[in-house]
Amino acid sequence: MMDKKIKIYLDLNSIYNKANQTYNEDYMNLCFKFADIADLTIVFSETVEIDKLKKQLTNQRKNVTFFVCESIENINIEIPTPDIKAVFVISNIYTTVKKENNIIRFSLDFDSIENKYSDTSLVSLAKEKLIYNLFSNDFSFLINKDTKNECHFLQYIFQKNNIYSGEILDCCCGVGRHDALLSNYGYEILGIDISEKQIAAANKTNKNRLINYIVGDVRNYKLPHKQFNGAVCMWTSFNYFNKEEMRSFINNIYEGLKDEAIFILDTKNFIYPVQYKTYLKNFENETKKVCILVVKRVKNKMQTSKYIYSIYDKSTQKTNCFIDDELINIYTKTDVINIVQGKFSIIDEYGDYDASAFAEDKSNRMILVLKKYTR
């Protein structure tokens, strides 16, 4: 849904692929996505052929304007008024996020992020994310997920497999937002996460004798042998792992689970081919008002994302802006089957937390219930 209180200026000059000498469907798709959520101004050079894009956009979207100039720095960006929440200026000429008069300028250079981390583990990028560090104490507020519904779903899966009590391993647990409810259902929880800040926030929030946390890497942390009745890995967390790391993760969890225990793997269901996704999140609590612009690109079995935070502090009456980059691997059901072969079998698959059946071409999520092979 379009938010008329948000304005976006998109500098196509800076992301234009001159080798193609034409605007391709990839960038046209991006323009449509931004036009869907905000008033959009497209900045372009007179030397660049724009007719096709301009015709399609103006025919289908009434909230798009065009501005011709050599550089986006040469135009006067509209300063936000009380009626305007935020103005985002997107251009690859920026190397860091900049804020002035609530005008937020940032780059959309997805390729540089992929190139930087293509030869390293994506976990190293994940460890730098603000949402796992600076924002750990506000994590649950900023992600704004339906934790209660997710926990009801997990309880349903456990009970369906005759697991009514016992120890559950929460892999990549973050701030442990599922753990309090799971412990209320009678489960003992051990949460493990690589982020010290996340574990600190989890310990602060979930003071319960049935819940314990450790800072550790689920790929290789020495877990107690055959101790857990079940394990979960929620919200696309394992997608930071490459296939070799994923196998190490699966093997490690396998050793910690009791015979015939279950392992719930939850990830976003990514639908091909190349696509952009953009959306806005606006919410507030007693101390903050938050606007988050999210831009995601799926390409070459990877999703690259940018999260641009505009956070208004009610006590200081000041707005701070931050940007988080994210890069994750995309796994299909076939990928998972190949990786878990010999360790687990898939006994159930769901498309969302309402326990709907998984459909590869349309489900929102891919939630696989694995059962440990016994030897």
Protein backbone atom coordinates (compact mmCIF):
# COMPACT_ATOMS: atom_id res chain seq x y z
CA MET A 1 0.00 0.00 0.00
CA MET A 2 1.35 3.40 -0.95
CA ASP A 3 2.26 5.79 1.85
CA LYS A 4 1.82 9.34 0.56
CA LYS A 5 3.76 10.65 3.55
CA ILE A 6 6.92 8.98 2.25
CA LYS A 7 8.84 10.41 -0.70
CA ILE A 8 11.54 8.54 -2.62
CA TYR A 9 14.02 10.00 -5.10
CA LEU A 10 15.63 7.29 -7.23
CA ASP A 11 18.83 8.15 -9.12
CA LEU A 12 18.76 5.74 -12.04
CA ASN A 13 21.93 7.26 -13.49
CA SER A 14 24.01 5.75 -10.74
CA ILE A 15 22.58 2.23 -11.03
CA TYR A 16 22.16 2.21 -14.81
CA ASN A 17 24.06 -0.60 -16.53
CA LYS A 18 25.70 1.23 -19.43
CA ALA A 19 26.99 -2.01 -20.92
CA ASN A 20 23.41 -2.89 -21.88
CA GLN A 21 22.69 0.59 -23.31
CA THR A 22 19.07 0.22 -22.23
CA TYR A 23 17.00 0.01 -19.11
CA ASN A 24 16.26 -3.67 -18.52
CA GLU A 25 13.31 -5.33 -16.81
CA ASP A 26 15.31 -5.60 -13.61
CA TYR A 27 15.38 -1.83 -13.03
CA MET A 28 11.85 -1.40 -14.35
CA ASN A 29 10.72 -3.87 -11.71
CA LEU A 30 12.57 -1.87 -9.06
CA CYS A 31 10.85 1.36 -10.11
CA PHE A 32 7.44 -0.26 -9.94
CA LYS A 33 8.18 -1.57 -6.44
CA PHE A 34 9.10 1.88 -5.14
CA ALA A 35 6.07 3.44 -6.85
CA ASP A 36 3.88 0.93 -5.01
CA ILE A 37 4.86 2.22 -1.57
CA ALA A 38 5.59 5.96 -1.89
CA ASP A 39 5.56 9.07 -4.05
CA LEU A 40 8.44 8.46 -6.46
CA THR A 41 10.68 10.86 -8.35
CA ILE A 42 12.99 9.25 -10.91
CA VAL A 43 16.14 11.19 -11.67
CA PHE A 44 17.86 10.44 -14.98
CA SER A 45 20.23 11.92 -17.53
CA GLU A 46 19.08 13.29 -20.87
CA THR A 47 21.71 11.10 -22.52
CA VAL A 48 20.04 7.96 -21.23
CA GLU A 49 17.18 6.39 -23.14
CA ILE A 50 14.19 6.50 -20.76
CA ASP A 51 11.13 6.36 -23.03
CA LYS A 52 10.14 2.75 -22.41
CA LEU A 53 10.35 3.01 -18.64
CA LYS A 54 8.63 6.39 -18.56
CA LYS A 55 5.76 5.20 -20.73
CA GLN A 56 5.11 2.07 -18.66
CA LEU A 57 5.33 3.84 -15.33
CA THR A 58 3.14 6.81 -16.22
CA ASN A 59 0.52 4.51 -17.76
CA GLN A 60 0.28 2.36 -14.62
CA ARG A 61 1.27 4.64 -11.71
CA LYS A 62 -0.01 8.16 -11.08
CA ASN A 63 2.45 8.97 -8.27
CA VAL A 64 5.63 9.03 -10.40
CA THR A 65 7.42 12.14 -11.62
CA PHE A 66 10.61 12.48 -13.66
CA PHE A 67 13.49 14.90 -13.27
CA VAL A 68 16.28 15.43 -15.79
CA CYS A 69 19.70 16.45 -14.48
CA GLU A 70 23.33 15.41 -14.68
CA SER A 71 23.63 14.64 -10.96
CA ILE A 72 21.10 14.09 -8.22
CA GLU A 73 23.17 16.47 -6.09
CA ASN A 74 22.11 19.30 -8.38
CA ILE A 75 18.40 19.11 -7.58
CA ASN A 76 16.55 20.60 -4.62
CA ILE A 77 15.16 17.76 -2.53
CA GLU A 78 11.87 18.61 -0.87
CA ILE A 79 12.46 19.18 2.85
CA PRO A 80 10.01 17.14 4.96
CA THR A 81 7.05 19.00 6.43
CA PRO A 82 4.82 17.79 9.29
CA ASP A 83 2.79 15.98 6.64
CA ILE A 84 5.84 14.09 5.35
CA LYS A 85 7.32 11.31 7.50
CA ALA A 86 10.59 10.88 5.62
CA VAL A 87 12.35 11.53 2.32
CA PHE A 88 14.67 8.81 0.98
CA VAL A 89 17.25 9.71 -1.69
CA ILE A 90 18.69 6.59 -3.32
CA SER A 91 21.89 6.93 -5.31
CA ASN A 92 25.02 4.83 -5.63
CA ILE A 93 27.18 7.95 -5.36
CA TYR A 94 26.81 7.70 -1.57
CA THR A 95 29.25 5.50 0.32
CA THR A 96 27.57 5.88 3.71
CA VAL A 97 24.10 6.76 4.88
CA LYS A 98 23.62 10.52 5.25
CA LYS A 99 20.87 12.42 7.06
CA GLU A 100 20.01 16.10 6.94
CA ASN A 101 16.64 17.65 7.78
CA ASN A 102 15.16 14.14 7.88
CA ILE A 103 16.33 13.55 4.32
CA ILE A 104 18.01 10.15 4.26
CA ARG A 105 20.52 9.47 1.48
CA PHE A 106 21.92 5.98 0.85
CA SER A 107 23.26 3.63 -1.80
CA LEU A 108 21.49 0.68 -3.37
CA ASP A 109 24.67 -1.00 -4.58
CA PHE A 110 23.76 -4.65 -3.99
CA ASP A 111 26.56 -5.94 -6.23
CA SER A 112 29.32 -4.46 -4.05
CA ILE A 113 27.90 -6.24 -0.98
CA GLU A 114 27.82 -9.58 -2.81
CA ASN A 115 31.34 -9.08 -4.19
CA LYS A 116 32.72 -8.16 -0.77
CA TYR A 117 31.39 -11.29 0.92
CA SER A 118 31.41 -13.77 -1.97
CA ASP A 119 34.60 -15.45 -0.71
CA THR A 120 33.81 -15.34 3.00
CA SER A 121 31.17 -16.75 5.28
CA LEU A 122 28.01 -14.67 5.38
CA VAL A 123 28.05 -15.15 9.14
CA SER A 124 30.78 -12.47 9.29
CA LEU A 125 28.33 -9.95 7.78
CA ALA A 126 25.51 -11.11 10.02
CA LYS A 127 27.66 -10.54 13.10
CA GLU A 128 28.00 -6.86 12.10
CA LYS A 129 24.28 -6.22 11.72
CA LEU A 130 22.93 -3.43 13.90
CA ILE A 131 19.78 -5.42 14.65
CA TYR A 132 22.00 -7.99 16.40
CA ASN A 133 24.16 -5.43 18.20
CA LEU A 134 23.10 -1.82 18.75
CA PHE A 135 19.40 -2.70 18.55
CA SER A 136 19.48 -5.97 20.54
CA ASN A 137 17.44 -4.56 23.43
CA ASP A 138 14.81 -3.33 20.96
CA PHE A 139 14.99 -6.37 18.68
CA SER A 140 11.46 -7.73 19.23
CA PHE A 141 9.97 -4.25 18.85
CA LEU A 142 11.85 -3.47 15.63
CA ILE A 143 11.11 -6.76 13.87
CA ASN A 144 7.46 -6.65 14.99
CA LYS A 145 6.66 -10.36 14.53
CA ASP A 146 3.75 -12.41 15.85
CA THR A 147 5.71 -14.43 18.38
CA LYS A 148 2.63 -15.83 20.08
CA ASN A 149 1.29 -17.32 16.84
CA GLU A 150 4.69 -18.78 15.96
CA CYS A 151 4.96 -20.46 19.37
CA HIS A 152 1.48 -21.93 19.08
CA PHE A 153 2.59 -23.43 15.79
CA LEU A 154 5.75 -24.88 17.33
CA GLN A 155 3.73 -26.38 20.18
CA TYR A 156 1.38 -27.95 17.63
CA ILE A 157 4.33 -29.57 15.80
CA PHE A 158 5.91 -30.88 18.99
CA GLN A 159 2.67 -32.35 20.30
CA LYS A 160 1.87 -33.85 16.91
CA ASN A 161 5.14 -35.75 17.33
CA ASN A 162 4.38 -36.72 20.94
CA ILE A 163 6.81 -34.24 22.48
CA TYR A 164 4.96 -32.74 25.44
CA SER A 165 7.96 -31.95 27.63
CA GLY A 166 11.72 -32.31 27.75
CA GLU A 167 14.62 -30.24 26.47
CA ILE A 168 14.40 -28.17 23.28
CA LEU A 169 17.39 -26.57 21.56
CA ASP A 170 16.73 -23.10 20.12
CA CYS A 171 19.37 -22.65 17.40
CA CYS A 172 20.38 -19.09 16.46
CA CYS A 173 18.00 -18.01 19.22
CA GLY A 174 18.78 -14.29 19.08
CA VAL A 175 17.02 -12.54 21.97
CA GLY A 176 15.02 -15.70 22.65
CA ARG A 177 11.66 -14.28 21.71
CA HIS A 178 10.09 -17.77 21.43
CA ASP A 179 11.54 -19.19 24.61
CA ALA A 180 9.31 -17.74 27.33
CA LEU A 181 6.15 -19.10 25.72
CA LEU A 182 7.74 -22.47 24.94
CA SER A 183 8.79 -22.78 28.58
CA ASN A 184 5.22 -21.94 29.61
CA TYR A 185 4.14 -24.96 27.61
CA GLY A 186 6.42 -27.09 29.81
CA TYR A 187 9.59 -27.34 27.72
CA GLU A 188 13.11 -26.73 29.01
CA ILE A 189 14.95 -24.46 26.59
CA LEU A 190 18.63 -24.10 25.78
CA GLY A 191 19.21 -21.17 23.44
CA ILE A 192 22.44 -20.76 21.50
CA ASP A 193 23.53 -17.77 19.44
CA ILE A 194 26.83 -16.39 18.19
CA SER A 195 25.97 -12.81 19.22
CA GLU A 196 26.97 -11.84 22.75
CA LYS A 197 24.65 -8.81 22.63
CA GLN A 198 21.67 -10.96 21.62
CA ILE A 199 22.34 -13.47 24.38
CA ALA A 200 22.72 -10.65 26.91
CA ALA A 201 19.32 -9.30 25.86
CA ALA A 202 17.84 -12.81 26.04
CA ASN A 203 19.12 -13.34 29.58
CA LYS A 204 17.75 -9.95 30.61
CA THR A 205 14.30 -10.65 29.15
CA ASN A 206 13.79 -14.35 29.92
CA LYS A 207 14.60 -14.95 33.58
CA ASN A 208 13.17 -18.41 33.96
CA ARG A 209 14.63 -21.52 35.56
CA LEU A 210 13.55 -23.55 32.49
CA ILE A 211 15.53 -21.32 30.10
CA ASN A 212 19.30 -21.19 29.72
CA TYR A 213 21.50 -19.48 27.13
CA ILE A 214 25.00 -19.90 25.80
CA VAL A 215 27.09 -17.85 23.40
CA GLY A 216 28.23 -20.28 20.75
CA ASP A 217 28.35 -21.22 17.08
CA VAL A 218 25.74 -23.83 16.19
CA ARG A 219 28.00 -25.08 13.40
CA ASN A 220 30.55 -26.52 15.81
CA TYR A 221 29.62 -25.92 19.46
CA LYS A 222 30.05 -29.13 21.44
CA LEU A 223 26.48 -30.00 22.40
CA PRO A 224 25.56 -32.63 25.02
CA HIS A 225 25.25 -35.99 23.25
CA LYS A 226 21.67 -37.14 22.54
CA GLN A 227 20.12 -34.80 25.10
CA PHE A 228 17.42 -32.85 23.25
CA ASN A 229 13.89 -33.98 22.43
CA GLY A 230 13.69 -31.42 19.65
CA ALA A 231 15.35 -28.42 18.06
CA VAL A 232 14.20 -25.33 16.18
CA CYS A 233 15.90 -22.84 13.88
CA MET A 234 13.51 -20.00 13.14
CA TRP A 235 13.22 -17.07 10.75
CA THR A 236 15.70 -17.83 7.96
CA SER A 237 18.65 -17.92 10.36
CA PHE A 238 20.43 -20.88 8.75
CA ASN A 239 20.52 -19.06 5.41
CA TYR A 240 23.66 -17.25 6.53
CA PHE A 241 25.44 -20.60 6.12
CA ASN A 242 26.91 -21.83 2.85
CA LYS A 243 26.32 -25.50 1.98
CA GLU A 244 29.48 -26.73 3.70
CA GLU A 245 28.59 -24.78 6.86
CA MET A 246 25.03 -26.03 6.60
CA ARG A 247 26.24 -29.63 6.63
CA SER A 248 28.37 -28.93 9.71
CA PHE A 249 25.31 -27.36 11.38
CA ILE A 250 23.07 -30.32 10.53
CA ASN A 251 25.68 -32.86 11.70
CA ASN A 252 26.18 -30.97 14.97
CA ILE A 253 22.48 -30.80 15.78
CA TYR A 254 22.10 -34.46 14.81
CA GLU A 255 24.61 -35.45 17.53
CA GLY A 256 22.75 -33.43 20.16
CA LEU A 257 19.29 -34.86 19.46
CA LYS A 258 17.82 -37.99 20.98
CA ASP A 259 16.92 -40.82 18.65
CA GLU A 260 13.82 -40.00 16.53
CA ALA A 261 13.81 -36.40 17.82
CA ILE A 262 12.54 -33.70 15.45
CA PHE A 263 14.24 -30.59 14.08
CA ILE A 264 12.14 -27.69 12.74
CA LEU A 265 13.84 -25.62 10.02
CA ASP A 266 12.07 -22.39 9.12
CA THR A 267 12.99 -20.15 6.19
CA LYS A 268 11.44 -17.67 3.80
CA ASN A 269 10.17 -19.32 0.62
CA PHE A 270 11.98 -17.54 -2.19
CA ILE A 271 10.23 -17.46 -5.56
CA TYR A 272 12.39 -17.11 -8.68
CA PRO A 273 13.58 -15.50 -10.90
CA VAL A 274 15.23 -12.12 -10.12
CA GLN A 275 12.90 -9.95 -8.14
CA TYR A 276 12.85 -6.86 -5.99
CA LYS A 277 10.76 -6.45 -2.90
CA THR A 278 10.25 -3.16 -1.10
CA TYR A 279 8.12 -2.31 1.89
CA LEU A 280 7.74 0.19 4.71
CA LYS A 281 7.25 -0.56 8.38
CA ASN A 282 5.88 2.17 10.64
CA PHE A 283 5.26 1.62 14.36
CA GLU A 284 5.89 3.19 17.74
CA ASN A 285 6.02 2.53 21.46
CA GLU A 286 6.25 4.75 24.54
CA THR A 287 9.73 6.03 23.67
CA LYS A 288 10.20 5.80 19.89
CA LYS A 289 8.62 6.26 16.48
CA VAL A 290 10.19 4.09 13.82
CA CYS A 291 10.04 4.10 10.04
CA ILE A 292 11.96 1.33 8.25
CA LEU A 293 12.40 1.18 4.50
CA VAL A 294 13.34 -2.32 3.38
CA VAL A 295 14.69 -3.14 -0.09
CA LYS A 296 15.50 -6.71 -1.09
CA ARG A 297 16.89 -8.26 -4.26
CA VAL A 298 16.86 -11.96 -5.14
CA LYS A 299 19.50 -13.00 -7.63
CA ASN A 300 21.73 -16.05 -8.23
CA LYS A 301 20.26 -17.94 -5.24
CA MET A 302 21.10 -15.10 -2.90
CA GLN A 303 19.03 -12.36 -1.31
CA THR A 304 20.68 -9.01 -0.67
CA SER A 305 18.82 -6.57 1.56
CA LYS A 306 19.06 -3.07 2.93
CA TYR A 307 17.22 -1.90 6.04
CA ILE A 308 17.12 1.89 6.44
CA TYR A 309 16.01 2.92 9.93
CA SER A 310 14.64 6.34 10.81
CA ILE A 311 14.14 6.36 14.59
CA TYR A 312 12.56 9.32 16.37
CA ASP A 313 13.33 9.54 20.09
CA LYS A 314 10.38 11.08 21.92
CA SER A 315 12.45 12.21 24.91
CA THR A 316 15.16 14.04 22.94
CA GLN A 317 12.88 14.87 19.99
CA LYS A 318 15.71 13.88 17.65
CA THR A 319 15.75 11.50 14.69
CA ASN A 320 18.65 9.13 14.07
CA CYS A 321 19.16 7.14 10.89
CA PHE A 322 20.94 3.83 10.42
CA ILE A 323 21.42 1.34 7.61
CA ASP A 324 21.90 -2.43 7.81
CA ASP A 325 23.09 -4.64 4.97
CA GLU A 326 22.16 -8.30 4.81
CA LEU A 327 23.18 -11.14 2.52
CA ILE A 328 21.76 -14.64 2.78
CA ASN A 329 21.80 -17.85 0.77
CA ILE A 330 18.60 -19.24 -0.73
CA TYR A 331 17.77 -22.87 -0.03
CA THR A 332 15.06 -24.86 -1.78
CA LYS A 333 13.47 -28.00 -0.40
CA THR A 334 15.64 -30.08 -2.74
CA ASP A 335 18.74 -28.35 -1.38
CA VAL A 336 17.76 -29.20 2.19
CA ILE A 337 16.95 -32.82 1.28
CA ASN A 338 20.40 -33.25 -0.23
CA ILE A 339 22.14 -31.69 2.78
CA VAL A 340 20.29 -33.66 5.49
CA GLN A 341 20.49 -36.97 3.63
CA GLY A 342 21.60 -39.80 5.91
CA LYS A 343 20.87 -37.76 9.04
CA PHE A 344 17.25 -36.67 8.82
CA SER A 345 14.12 -37.32 6.80
CA ILE A 346 11.43 -34.72 6.11
CA ILE A 347 8.20 -35.83 7.77
CA ASP A 348 6.13 -32.64 7.36
CA GLU A 349 6.31 -29.41 5.42
CA TYR A 350 4.31 -26.21 5.95
CA GLY A 351 3.88 -22.93 4.10
CA ASP A 352 3.31 -20.67 7.12
CA TYR A 353 2.67 -20.61 10.86
CA ASP A 354 -1.02 -21.38 10.32
CA ALA A 355 0.08 -24.96 9.48
CA SER A 356 -1.01 -24.56 5.86
CA ALA A 357 0.50 -26.99 3.35
CA PHE A 358 3.73 -25.91 1.65
CA ALA A 359 3.40 -24.94 -2.02
CA GLU A 360 6.71 -24.09 -3.64
CA ASP A 361 5.16 -21.61 -6.09
CA LYS A 362 3.14 -19.53 -3.63
CA SER A 363 3.80 -20.20 0.08
CA ASN A 364 5.15 -17.39 2.20
CA ARG A 365 7.49 -19.66 4.15
CA MET A 366 9.10 -23.08 3.89
CA ILE A 367 8.95 -24.84 7.25
CA LEU A 368 10.38 -28.35 7.20
CA VAL A 369 9.97 -30.82 10.05
CA LEU A 370 12.92 -33.21 10.10
CA LYS A 371 13.10 -36.48 12.02
CA LYS A 372 16.43 -37.92 13.10
CA TYR A 373 17.42 -41.23 11.58
CA THR A 374 18.42 -43.84 14.14
CA ARG A 375 21.34 -46.17 13.61
